[in-house]
Amino acid sequence: MSDTTVVDLSGVAETSLWTLYNRACEATRRDSLLRDPECVRIYNSIDYDFEGSFGRPDGSHALRSAIFDAALRPWLAAHPGAAVVELGSGLETQLQRVDDGHVRWYCVDIPESIEVRERLLPPTDRCVHIRTSALDLAWIDSIRGRGPAFISAQGLFMYFDEESARRLFTRICEAFPGSQIMFDTVPQWFSRATLQGKAKAGNYRLPAMPWGINRRAIEATLRSWSPRVELVTLLPWAPVRGIRRRALSAISRAPLVRELVPTIVRVRTRDRGR
């Protein structure tokens, strides 16, 4: 079809197609928890065998995006015209869902991912694309000194080794006082499964996720990494509906076994004077 976009992504970059697929399929449901018309548009425009690669859609990525949106909207209302930094932006359409007409948005991702993004979601005067890995801390110089920021990283930190995640988190805390950092983690058992090549979505073998951390260790770990951490909030996320959601919902309430599920982490950093 002449109006479709052919993409050629591999490794971690290809996961942007997996999350796009899951969000788009959820957004087209009548009982959807996420309104995301731009995601659906992009999904329909890409020439890729989504179901053949990823199997049946799973709404958990849509739920994750909805949780991030719910945190970001009131923050934007309290900080009009402030900066949002989206690390590992891929084909995420959060800006299109929450745009208040004033926010300054920065998409940070590796060059091959930004190249695909720009064909489908071109930059604007308020949305800047930065072609670099989040681990190349030079991106910070593009945003520093402009007041509080909201740093969002969906599906990113687990693909780094622990030392790289620590270094990135620490620099963000230092560079953005009085700001918010939001990201998600996977538990240690799941990290090990990816390292052994056992974690799959349909026929797609998930890339290695070297950094796994159990829920009970998250806050203490982050505070040991940086004295700039002021508040840590932990939120579980799971499949949207069906027996898997009921099972994981029960697990998340059990202190000993809730370590088995992924966690969304929201951190507030201290102001410089505190």
C-alpha atoms as a PDB file:
ATOM      1  CA  MET A   1       0.000   0.000   0.000  1.00  0.00           C
ATOM      2  CA  SER A   2       1.434   3.356  -1.041  1.00  0.00           C
ATOM      3  CA  ASP A   3       0.285   5.234   2.064  1.00  0.00           C
ATOM      4  CA  THR A   4       1.897   2.873   4.567  1.00  0.00           C
ATOM      5  CA  THR A   5       5.221   3.331   6.328  1.00  0.00           C
ATOM      6  CA  VAL A   6       7.773   0.536   6.315  1.00  0.00           C
ATOM      7  CA  VAL A   7       9.913   0.437   9.456  1.00  0.00           C
ATOM      8  CA  ASP A   8      13.064  -1.532  10.120  1.00  0.00           C
ATOM      9  CA  LEU A   9      13.781  -1.637  13.838  1.00  0.00           C
ATOM     10  CA  SER A  10      15.514  -4.317  15.871  1.00  0.00           C
ATOM     11  CA  GLY A  11      16.605  -4.984  19.422  1.00  0.00           C
ATOM     12  CA  VAL A  12      15.295  -2.646  22.094  1.00  0.00           C
ATOM     13  CA  ALA A  13      14.115  -0.150  19.439  1.00  0.00           C
ATOM     14  CA  GLU A  14      11.657  -2.730  18.097  1.00  0.00           C
ATOM     15  CA  THR A  15       9.844  -2.778  21.434  1.00  0.00           C
ATOM     16  CA  SER A  16       8.325   0.575  20.423  1.00  0.00           C
ATOM     17  CA  LEU A  17       6.244  -1.368  17.881  1.00  0.00           C
ATOM     18  CA  TRP A  18       5.152  -3.838  20.569  1.00  0.00           C
ATOM     19  CA  THR A  19       3.941  -1.107  22.916  1.00  0.00           C
ATOM     20  CA  LEU A  20       2.325   0.802  20.010  1.00  0.00           C
ATOM     21  CA  TYR A  21       0.410  -2.348  19.033  1.00  0.00           C
ATOM     22  CA  ASN A  22      -0.871  -2.950  22.545  1.00  0.00           C
ATOM     23  CA  ARG A  23      -1.922   0.679  23.053  1.00  0.00           C
ATOM     24  CA  ALA A  24      -3.628   0.918  19.664  1.00  0.00           C
ATOM     25  CA  CYS A  25      -5.589  -2.305  20.116  1.00  0.00           C
ATOM     26  CA  GLU A  26      -6.740  -1.171  23.542  1.00  0.00           C
ATOM     27  CA  ALA A  27      -7.660   2.292  22.228  1.00  0.00           C
ATOM     28  CA  THR A  28      -9.994   0.805  19.606  1.00  0.00           C
ATOM     29  CA  ARG A  29     -12.053  -1.111  22.182  1.00  0.00           C
ATOM     30  CA  ARG A  30     -15.441   0.295  23.142  1.00  0.00           C
ATOM     31  CA  ASP A  31     -14.502  -0.140  26.813  1.00  0.00           C
ATOM     32  CA  SER A  32     -10.975   1.238  26.357  1.00  0.00           C
ATOM     33  CA  LEU A  33      -9.194   2.798  29.324  1.00  0.00           C
ATOM     34  CA  LEU A  34      -7.058   4.986  27.017  1.00  0.00           C
ATOM     35  CA  ARG A  35      -8.196   7.376  24.312  1.00  0.00           C
ATOM     36  CA  ASP A  36      -5.294   7.560  21.879  1.00  0.00           C
ATOM     37  CA  PRO A  37      -6.352   8.449  18.315  1.00  0.00           C
ATOM     38  CA  GLU A  38      -2.814   9.358  17.216  1.00  0.00           C
ATOM     39  CA  CYS A  39      -1.566   5.970  18.339  1.00  0.00           C
ATOM     40  CA  VAL A  40      -4.301   4.285  16.291  1.00  0.00           C
ATOM     41  CA  ARG A  41      -3.445   6.433  13.265  1.00  0.00           C
ATOM     42  CA  ILE A  42       0.230   5.510  13.457  1.00  0.00           C
ATOM     43  CA  TYR A  43      -0.530   1.823  14.012  1.00  0.00           C
ATOM     44  CA  ASN A  44      -2.762   1.751  10.929  1.00  0.00           C
ATOM     45  CA  SER A  45      -0.102   3.482   8.829  1.00  0.00           C
ATOM     46  CA  ILE A  46       2.747   1.056   9.528  1.00  0.00           C
ATOM     47  CA  ASP A  47       3.436  -1.934   7.296  1.00  0.00           C
ATOM     48  CA  TYR A  48       4.342  -4.533   9.918  1.00  0.00           C
ATOM     49  CA  ASP A  49       2.973  -7.909  10.997  1.00  0.00           C
ATOM     50  CA  PHE A  50       2.110  -6.900  14.551  1.00  0.00           C
ATOM     51  CA  GLU A  51       0.025  -9.921  15.498  1.00  0.00           C
ATOM     52  CA  GLY A  52       2.431 -12.329  13.800  1.00  0.00           C
ATOM     53  CA  SER A  53       5.276 -10.919  15.868  1.00  0.00           C
ATOM     54  CA  PHE A  54       3.669 -10.080  19.188  1.00  0.00           C
ATOM     55  CA  GLY A  55       0.656 -12.412  19.374  1.00  0.00           C
ATOM     56  CA  ARG A  56      -2.621 -11.333  20.926  1.00  0.00           C
ATOM     57  CA  PRO A  57      -2.649  -7.745  22.201  1.00  0.00           C
ATOM     58  CA  ASP A  58      -2.148  -7.063  25.895  1.00  0.00           C
ATOM     59  CA  GLY A  59      -3.609  -3.872  27.323  1.00  0.00           C
ATOM     60  CA  SER A  60      -0.989  -3.547  30.054  1.00  0.00           C
ATOM     61  CA  HIS A  61       1.007  -0.988  28.061  1.00  0.00           C
ATOM     62  CA  ALA A  62      -2.124   1.117  27.645  1.00  0.00           C
ATOM     63  CA  LEU A  63      -2.658   0.932  31.397  1.00  0.00           C
ATOM     64  CA  ARG A  64       0.929   2.009  31.984  1.00  0.00           C
ATOM     65  CA  SER A  65       0.458   5.006  29.681  1.00  0.00           C
ATOM     66  CA  ALA A  66      -2.821   5.896  31.426  1.00  0.00           C
ATOM     67  CA  ILE A  67      -1.045   5.855  34.810  1.00  0.00           C
ATOM     68  CA  PHE A  68       1.721   8.111  33.480  1.00  0.00           C
ATOM     69  CA  ASP A  69      -0.896  10.459  31.973  1.00  0.00           C
ATOM     70  CA  ALA A  70      -2.791  10.654  35.260  1.00  0.00           C
ATOM     71  CA  ALA A  71       0.397  11.730  37.030  1.00  0.00           C
ATOM     72  CA  LEU A  72       1.444  14.226  34.366  1.00  0.00           C
ATOM     73  CA  ARG A  73      -1.811  16.139  33.790  1.00  0.00           C
ATOM     74  CA  PRO A  74      -2.036  17.757  37.255  1.00  0.00           C
ATOM     75  CA  TRP A  75       1.701  18.457  37.184  1.00  0.00           C
ATOM     76  CA  LEU A  76       1.289  20.345  33.895  1.00  0.00           C
ATOM     77  CA  ALA A  77      -1.619  22.299  35.365  1.00  0.00           C
ATOM     78  CA  ALA A  78       0.625  23.353  38.249  1.00  0.00           C
ATOM     79  CA  HIS A  79       3.611  24.152  35.982  1.00  0.00           C
ATOM     80  CA  PRO A  80       2.275  25.799  32.800  1.00  0.00           C
ATOM     81  CA  GLY A  81       4.900  26.053  30.079  1.00  0.00           C
ATOM     82  CA  ALA A  82       7.329  23.771  31.916  1.00  0.00           C
ATOM     83  CA  ALA A  83       9.445  21.077  30.287  1.00  0.00           C
ATOM     84  CA  VAL A  84       8.633  17.394  29.932  1.00  0.00           C
ATOM     85  CA  VAL A  85      11.501  15.110  28.941  1.00  0.00           C
ATOM     86  CA  GLU A  86      10.460  11.782  27.442  1.00  0.00           C
ATOM     87  CA  LEU A  87      13.395   9.384  27.589  1.00  0.00           C
ATOM     88  CA  GLY A  88      13.214   6.486  25.143  1.00  0.00           C
ATOM     89  CA  SER A  89      10.221   8.135  23.466  1.00  0.00           C
ATOM     90  CA  GLY A  90       9.909   5.616  20.624  1.00  0.00           C
ATOM     91  CA  LEU A  91       6.400   5.920  19.165  1.00  0.00           C
ATOM     92  CA  GLU A  92       4.752   6.959  22.416  1.00  0.00           C
ATOM     93  CA  THR A  93       1.969   9.532  21.893  1.00  0.00           C
ATOM     94  CA  GLN A  94       1.735  10.961  25.391  1.00  0.00           C
ATOM     95  CA  LEU A  95       2.239  14.535  24.211  1.00  0.00           C
ATOM     96  CA  GLN A  96      -0.725  14.197  21.874  1.00  0.00           C
ATOM     97  CA  ARG A  97      -2.878  12.917  24.750  1.00  0.00           C
ATOM     98  CA  VAL A  98      -1.962  15.485  27.417  1.00  0.00           C
ATOM     99  CA  ASP A  99      -0.889  18.601  25.477  1.00  0.00           C
ATOM    100  CA  ASP A 100      -2.095  21.756  27.235  1.00  0.00           C
ATOM    101  CA  GLY A 101      -0.901  24.061  24.457  1.00  0.00           C
ATOM    102  CA  HIS A 102       2.023  25.388  26.506  1.00  0.00           C
ATOM    103  CA  VAL A 103       4.246  22.474  27.509  1.00  0.00           C
ATOM    104  CA  ARG A 104       7.789  22.268  26.087  1.00  0.00           C
ATOM    105  CA  TRP A 105       8.381  18.626  25.173  1.00  0.00           C
ATOM    106  CA  TYR A 106      11.713  16.887  24.545  1.00  0.00           C
ATOM    107  CA  CYS A 107      11.828  13.419  22.961  1.00  0.00           C
ATOM    108  CA  VAL A 108      15.150  11.692  23.642  1.00  0.00           C
ATOM    109  CA  ASP A 109      15.914   8.454  21.801  1.00  0.00           C
ATOM    110  CA  ILE A 110      18.557   6.724  19.723  1.00  0.00           C
ATOM    111  CA  PRO A 111      18.895   7.976  16.110  1.00  0.00           C
ATOM    112  CA  GLU A 112      17.159   5.017  14.405  1.00  0.00           C
ATOM    113  CA  SER A 113      14.124   5.399  16.658  1.00  0.00           C
ATOM    114  CA  ILE A 114      13.915   9.155  16.156  1.00  0.00           C
ATOM    115  CA  GLU A 115      14.202   8.663  12.381  1.00  0.00           C
ATOM    116  CA  VAL A 116      11.063   6.487  12.439  1.00  0.00           C
ATOM    117  CA  ARG A 117       9.305   8.819  14.853  1.00  0.00           C
ATOM    118  CA  GLU A 118       9.933  11.848  12.657  1.00  0.00           C
ATOM    119  CA  ARG A 119       8.258  10.164   9.690  1.00  0.00           C
ATOM    120  CA  LEU A 120       5.131   9.601  11.756  1.00  0.00           C
ATOM    121  CA  LEU A 121       5.231  12.325  14.427  1.00  0.00           C
ATOM    122  CA  PRO A 122       7.270  15.283  13.119  1.00  0.00           C
ATOM    123  CA  PRO A 123       8.781  17.697  15.654  1.00  0.00           C
ATOM    124  CA  THR A 124       7.124  21.065  16.253  1.00  0.00           C
ATOM    125  CA  ASP A 125       8.095  24.385  17.790  1.00  0.00           C
ATOM    126  CA  ARG A 126       7.168  22.945  21.220  1.00  0.00           C
ATOM    127  CA  CYS A 127       8.325  19.366  20.637  1.00  0.00           C
ATOM    128  CA  VAL A 128      12.060  18.892  20.146  1.00  0.00           C
ATOM    129  CA  HIS A 129      13.617  15.588  19.074  1.00  0.00           C
ATOM    130  CA  ILE A 130      17.052  14.779  20.523  1.00  0.00           C
ATOM    131  CA  ARG A 131      18.873  11.976  18.684  1.00  0.00           C
ATOM    132  CA  THR A 132      20.902  10.296  21.384  1.00  0.00           C
ATOM    133  CA  SER A 133      20.764   7.562  23.971  1.00  0.00           C
ATOM    134  CA  ALA A 134      19.425   8.613  27.353  1.00  0.00           C
ATOM    135  CA  LEU A 135      22.779   7.431  28.705  1.00  0.00           C
ATOM    136  CA  ASP A 136      24.561  10.161  26.725  1.00  0.00           C
ATOM    137  CA  LEU A 137      24.035  12.775  29.408  1.00  0.00           C
ATOM    138  CA  ALA A 138      24.704  15.635  26.997  1.00  0.00           C
ATOM    139  CA  TRP A 139      20.927  15.821  26.447  1.00  0.00           C
ATOM    140  CA  ILE A 140      20.641  17.364  29.913  1.00  0.00           C
ATOM    141  CA  ASP A 141      22.372  20.541  28.720  1.00  0.00           C
ATOM    142  CA  SER A 142      19.468  21.160  26.321  1.00  0.00           C
ATOM    143  CA  ILE A 143      16.985  21.489  29.190  1.00  0.00           C
ATOM    144  CA  ARG A 144      18.859  22.513  32.343  1.00  0.00           C
ATOM    145  CA  GLY A 145      18.304  25.900  33.961  1.00  0.00           C
ATOM    146  CA  ARG A 146      14.695  26.240  32.834  1.00  0.00           C
ATOM    147  CA  GLY A 147      12.845  25.443  36.060  1.00  0.00           C
ATOM    148  CA  PRO A 148      11.255  22.186  37.232  1.00  0.00           C
ATOM    149  CA  ALA A 149      10.794  19.418  34.703  1.00  0.00           C
ATOM    150  CA  PHE A 150       8.909  16.147  34.475  1.00  0.00           C
ATOM    151  CA  ILE A 151      11.187  13.342  33.277  1.00  0.00           C
ATOM    152  CA  SER A 152       9.231  10.382  31.919  1.00  0.00           C
ATOM    153  CA  ALA A 153      10.773   7.025  30.970  1.00  0.00           C
ATOM    154  CA  GLN A 154       8.320   4.300  30.025  1.00  0.00           C
ATOM    155  CA  GLY A 155       9.883   0.905  29.394  1.00  0.00           C
ATOM    156  CA  LEU A 156      13.494   2.110  29.489  1.00  0.00           C
ATOM    157  CA  PHE A 157      15.468   1.723  32.723  1.00  0.00           C
ATOM    158  CA  MET A 158      15.265  -2.089  32.752  1.00  0.00           C
ATOM    159  CA  TYR A 159      17.254  -2.237  29.487  1.00  0.00           C
ATOM    160  CA  PHE A 160      20.286  -0.698  31.218  1.00  0.00           C
ATOM    161  CA  ASP A 161      22.639  -2.453  33.600  1.00  0.00           C
ATOM    162  CA  GLU A 162      22.281  -1.311  37.195  1.00  0.00           C
ATOM    163  CA  GLU A 163      25.342   0.947  37.177  1.00  0.00           C
ATOM    164  CA  SER A 164      24.141   2.746  34.036  1.00  0.00           C
ATOM    165  CA  ALA A 165      20.666   3.169  35.551  1.00  0.00           C
ATOM    166  CA  ARG A 166      22.234   4.550  38.736  1.00  0.00           C
ATOM    167  CA  ARG A 167      24.425   7.008  36.849  1.00  0.00           C
ATOM    168  CA  LEU A 168      21.487   8.269  34.762  1.00  0.00           C
ATOM    169  CA  PHE A 169      19.150   8.583  37.745  1.00  0.00           C
ATOM    170  CA  THR A 170      21.766  10.383  39.843  1.00  0.00           C
ATOM    171  CA  ARG A 171      22.509  12.957  37.133  1.00  0.00           C
ATOM    172  CA  ILE A 172      18.817  13.630  36.615  1.00  0.00           C
ATOM    173  CA  CYS A 173      18.376  14.246  40.342  1.00  0.00           C
ATOM    174  CA  GLU A 174      21.324  16.656  40.327  1.00  0.00           C
ATOM    175  CA  ALA A 175      20.323  18.487  37.148  1.00  0.00           C
ATOM    176  CA  PHE A 176      16.599  18.880  37.842  1.00  0.00           C
ATOM    177  CA  PRO A 177      15.960  19.986  41.440  1.00  0.00           C
ATOM    178  CA  GLY A 178      12.307  20.236  42.437  1.00  0.00           C
ATOM    179  CA  SER A 179      11.302  17.995  39.539  1.00  0.00           C
ATOM    180  CA  GLN A 180       9.538  14.670  39.006  1.00  0.00           C
ATOM    181  CA  ILE A 181      11.021  11.457  37.594  1.00  0.00           C
ATOM    182  CA  MET A 182       8.677   8.638  36.577  1.00  0.00           C
ATOM    183  CA  PHE A 183       9.730   5.236  35.242  1.00  0.00           C
ATOM    184  CA  ASP A 184       8.878   1.556  35.543  1.00  0.00           C
ATOM    185  CA  THR A 185      10.853  -1.441  36.738  1.00  0.00           C
ATOM    186  CA  VAL A 186      10.704  -5.202  36.319  1.00  0.00           C
ATOM    187  CA  PRO A 187      11.280  -7.709  39.142  1.00  0.00           C
ATOM    188  CA  GLN A 188      14.455  -9.732  39.347  1.00  0.00           C
ATOM    189  CA  TRP A 189      12.865 -12.999  38.197  1.00  0.00           C
ATOM    190  CA  PHE A 190      11.679 -11.383  34.965  1.00  0.00           C
ATOM    191  CA  SER A 191      15.057  -9.768  34.359  1.00  0.00           C
ATOM    192  CA  ARG A 192      16.675 -13.198  34.677  1.00  0.00           C
ATOM    193  CA  ALA A 193      14.155 -14.680  32.224  1.00  0.00           C
ATOM    194  CA  THR A 194      15.072 -12.082  29.593  1.00  0.00           C
ATOM    195  CA  LEU A 195      18.783 -12.668  30.127  1.00  0.00           C
ATOM    196  CA  GLN A 196      18.191 -16.376  29.515  1.00  0.00           C
ATOM    197  CA  GLY A 197      16.167 -15.656  26.361  1.00  0.00           C
ATOM    198  CA  LYS A 198      12.974 -17.090  27.872  1.00  0.00           C
ATOM    199  CA  ALA A 199      10.753 -13.985  27.900  1.00  0.00           C
ATOM    200  CA  LYS A 200       8.509 -13.693  24.847  1.00  0.00           C
ATOM    201  CA  ALA A 201       5.503 -11.793  23.535  1.00  0.00           C
ATOM    202  CA  GLY A 202       3.987 -14.057  20.892  1.00  0.00           C
ATOM    203  CA  ASN A 203       6.879 -15.002  18.599  1.00  0.00           C
ATOM    204  CA  TYR A 204       8.916 -11.985  19.643  1.00  0.00           C
ATOM    205  CA  ARG A 205      11.740 -12.689  22.074  1.00  0.00           C
ATOM    206  CA  LEU A 206      12.098  -9.751  24.432  1.00  0.00           C
ATOM    207  CA  PRO A 207      15.517  -8.075  24.540  1.00  0.00           C
ATOM    208  CA  ALA A 208      17.640  -8.563  27.633  1.00  0.00           C
ATOM    209  CA  MET A 209      16.597  -6.467  30.630  1.00  0.00           C
ATOM    210  CA  PRO A 210      19.720  -6.457  32.827  1.00  0.00           C
ATOM    211  CA  TRP A 211      18.330  -4.316  35.645  1.00  0.00           C
ATOM    212  CA  GLY A 212      15.660  -6.055  37.669  1.00  0.00           C
ATOM    213  CA  ILE A 213      14.676  -4.902  41.147  1.00  0.00           C
ATOM    214  CA  ASN A 214      12.015  -6.149  43.514  1.00  0.00           C
ATOM    215  CA  ARG A 215       9.470  -3.707  44.869  1.00  0.00           C
ATOM    216  CA  ARG A 216      10.643  -3.783  48.481  1.00  0.00           C
ATOM    217  CA  ALA A 217      14.162  -2.709  47.466  1.00  0.00           C
ATOM    218  CA  ILE A 218      13.242   0.210  45.191  1.00  0.00           C
ATOM    219  CA  GLU A 219      12.963   3.116  47.626  1.00  0.00           C
ATOM    220  CA  ALA A 220      16.055   2.223  49.653  1.00  0.00           C
ATOM    221  CA  THR A 221      18.067   1.736  46.455  1.00  0.00           C
ATOM    222  CA  LEU A 222      17.077   5.089  44.969  1.00  0.00           C
ATOM    223  CA  ARG A 223      17.780   6.924  48.216  1.00  0.00           C
ATOM    224  CA  SER A 224      21.205   5.286  48.399  1.00  0.00           C
ATOM    225  CA  TRP A 225      21.880   6.468  44.855  1.00  0.00           C
ATOM    226  CA  SER A 226      21.094  10.135  45.477  1.00  0.00           C
ATOM    227  CA  PRO A 227      20.551  12.388  48.503  1.00  0.00           C
ATOM    228  CA  ARG A 228      18.403  14.552  46.205  1.00  0.00           C
ATOM    229  CA  VAL A 229      15.505  12.064  46.434  1.00  0.00           C
ATOM    230  CA  GLU A 230      12.717  13.649  48.466  1.00  0.00           C
ATOM    231  CA  LEU A 231       9.683  11.388  47.917  1.00  0.00           C
ATOM    232  CA  VAL A 232       9.241   7.951  46.325  1.00  0.00           C
ATOM    233  CA  THR A 233       5.807   6.637  45.319  1.00  0.00           C
ATOM    234  CA  LEU A 234       5.322   3.063  44.062  1.00  0.00           C
ATOM    235  CA  LEU A 235       2.417   1.919  41.880  1.00  0.00           C
ATOM    236  CA  PRO A 236       1.786  -1.620  40.572  1.00  0.00           C
ATOM    237  CA  TRP A 237       0.624  -2.208  37.018  1.00  0.00           C
ATOM    238  CA  ALA A 238      -0.749  -5.337  35.425  1.00  0.00           C
ATOM    239  CA  PRO A 239      -2.894  -6.667  32.555  1.00  0.00           C
ATOM    240  CA  VAL A 240      -6.056  -4.646  32.064  1.00  0.00           C
ATOM    241  CA  ARG A 241      -8.744  -7.308  32.242  1.00  0.00           C
ATOM    242  CA  GLY A 242      -9.445 -11.016  32.433  1.00  0.00           C
ATOM    243  CA  ILE A 243      -8.103 -13.759  34.651  1.00  0.00           C
ATOM    244  CA  ARG A 244      -4.508 -12.491  34.505  1.00  0.00           C
ATOM    245  CA  ARG A 245      -5.591  -9.115  35.875  1.00  0.00           C
ATOM    246  CA  ARG A 246      -7.565 -10.724  38.690  1.00  0.00           C
ATOM    247  CA  ALA A 247      -4.618 -12.930  39.561  1.00  0.00           C
ATOM    248  CA  LEU A 248      -2.081 -10.102  39.530  1.00  0.00           C
ATOM    249  CA  SER A 249      -4.461  -7.823  41.409  1.00  0.00           C
ATOM    250  CA  ALA A 250      -4.576 -10.410  44.180  1.00  0.00           C
ATOM    251  CA  ILE A 251      -0.796 -10.803  44.071  1.00  0.00           C
ATOM    252  CA  SER A 252      -0.255  -7.049  44.372  1.00  0.00           C
ATOM    253  CA  ARG A 253      -2.139  -7.052  47.689  1.00  0.00           C
ATOM    254  CA  ALA A 254      -0.092  -9.913  49.163  1.00  0.00           C
ATOM    255  CA  PRO A 255       3.088  -8.553  50.818  1.00  0.00           C
ATOM    256  CA  LEU A 256       5.271 -11.580  50.085  1.00  0.00           C
ATOM    257  CA  VAL A 257       4.326 -12.147  46.457  1.00  0.00           C
ATOM    258  CA  ARG A 258       3.766  -8.636  45.120  1.00  0.00           C
ATOM    259  CA  GLU A 259       7.506  -8.617  44.444  1.00  0.00           C
ATOM    260  CA  LEU A 260       6.639 -10.682  41.343  1.00  0.00           C
ATOM    261  CA  VAL A 261       4.991  -7.875  39.358  1.00  0.00           C
ATOM    262  CA  PRO A 262       6.374  -4.772  37.618  1.00  0.00           C
ATOM    263  CA  THR A 263       6.256  -1.460  39.461  1.00  0.00           C
ATOM    264  CA  ILE A 264       5.842   2.145  38.368  1.00  0.00           C
ATOM    265  CA  VAL A 265       8.068   4.536  40.307  1.00  0.00           C
ATOM    266  CA  ARG A 266       7.490   8.247  40.794  1.00  0.00           C
ATOM    267  CA  VAL A 267      10.217  10.320  42.440  1.00  0.00           C
ATOM    268  CA  ARG A 268      10.205  13.940  43.568  1.00  0.00           C
ATOM    269  CA  THR A 269      13.628  15.557  43.774  1.00  0.00           C
ATOM    270  CA  ARG A 270      14.592  18.148  46.397  1.00  0.00           C
ATOM    271  CA  ASP A 271      14.842  21.821  45.583  1.00  0.00           C
ATOM    272  CA  ARG A 272      18.378  23.159  45.702  1.00  0.00           C
ATOM    273  CA  GLY A 273      17.743  24.969  48.990  1.00  0.00           C
ATOM    274  CA  ARG A 274      16.398  21.891  50.791  1.00  0.00           C
END
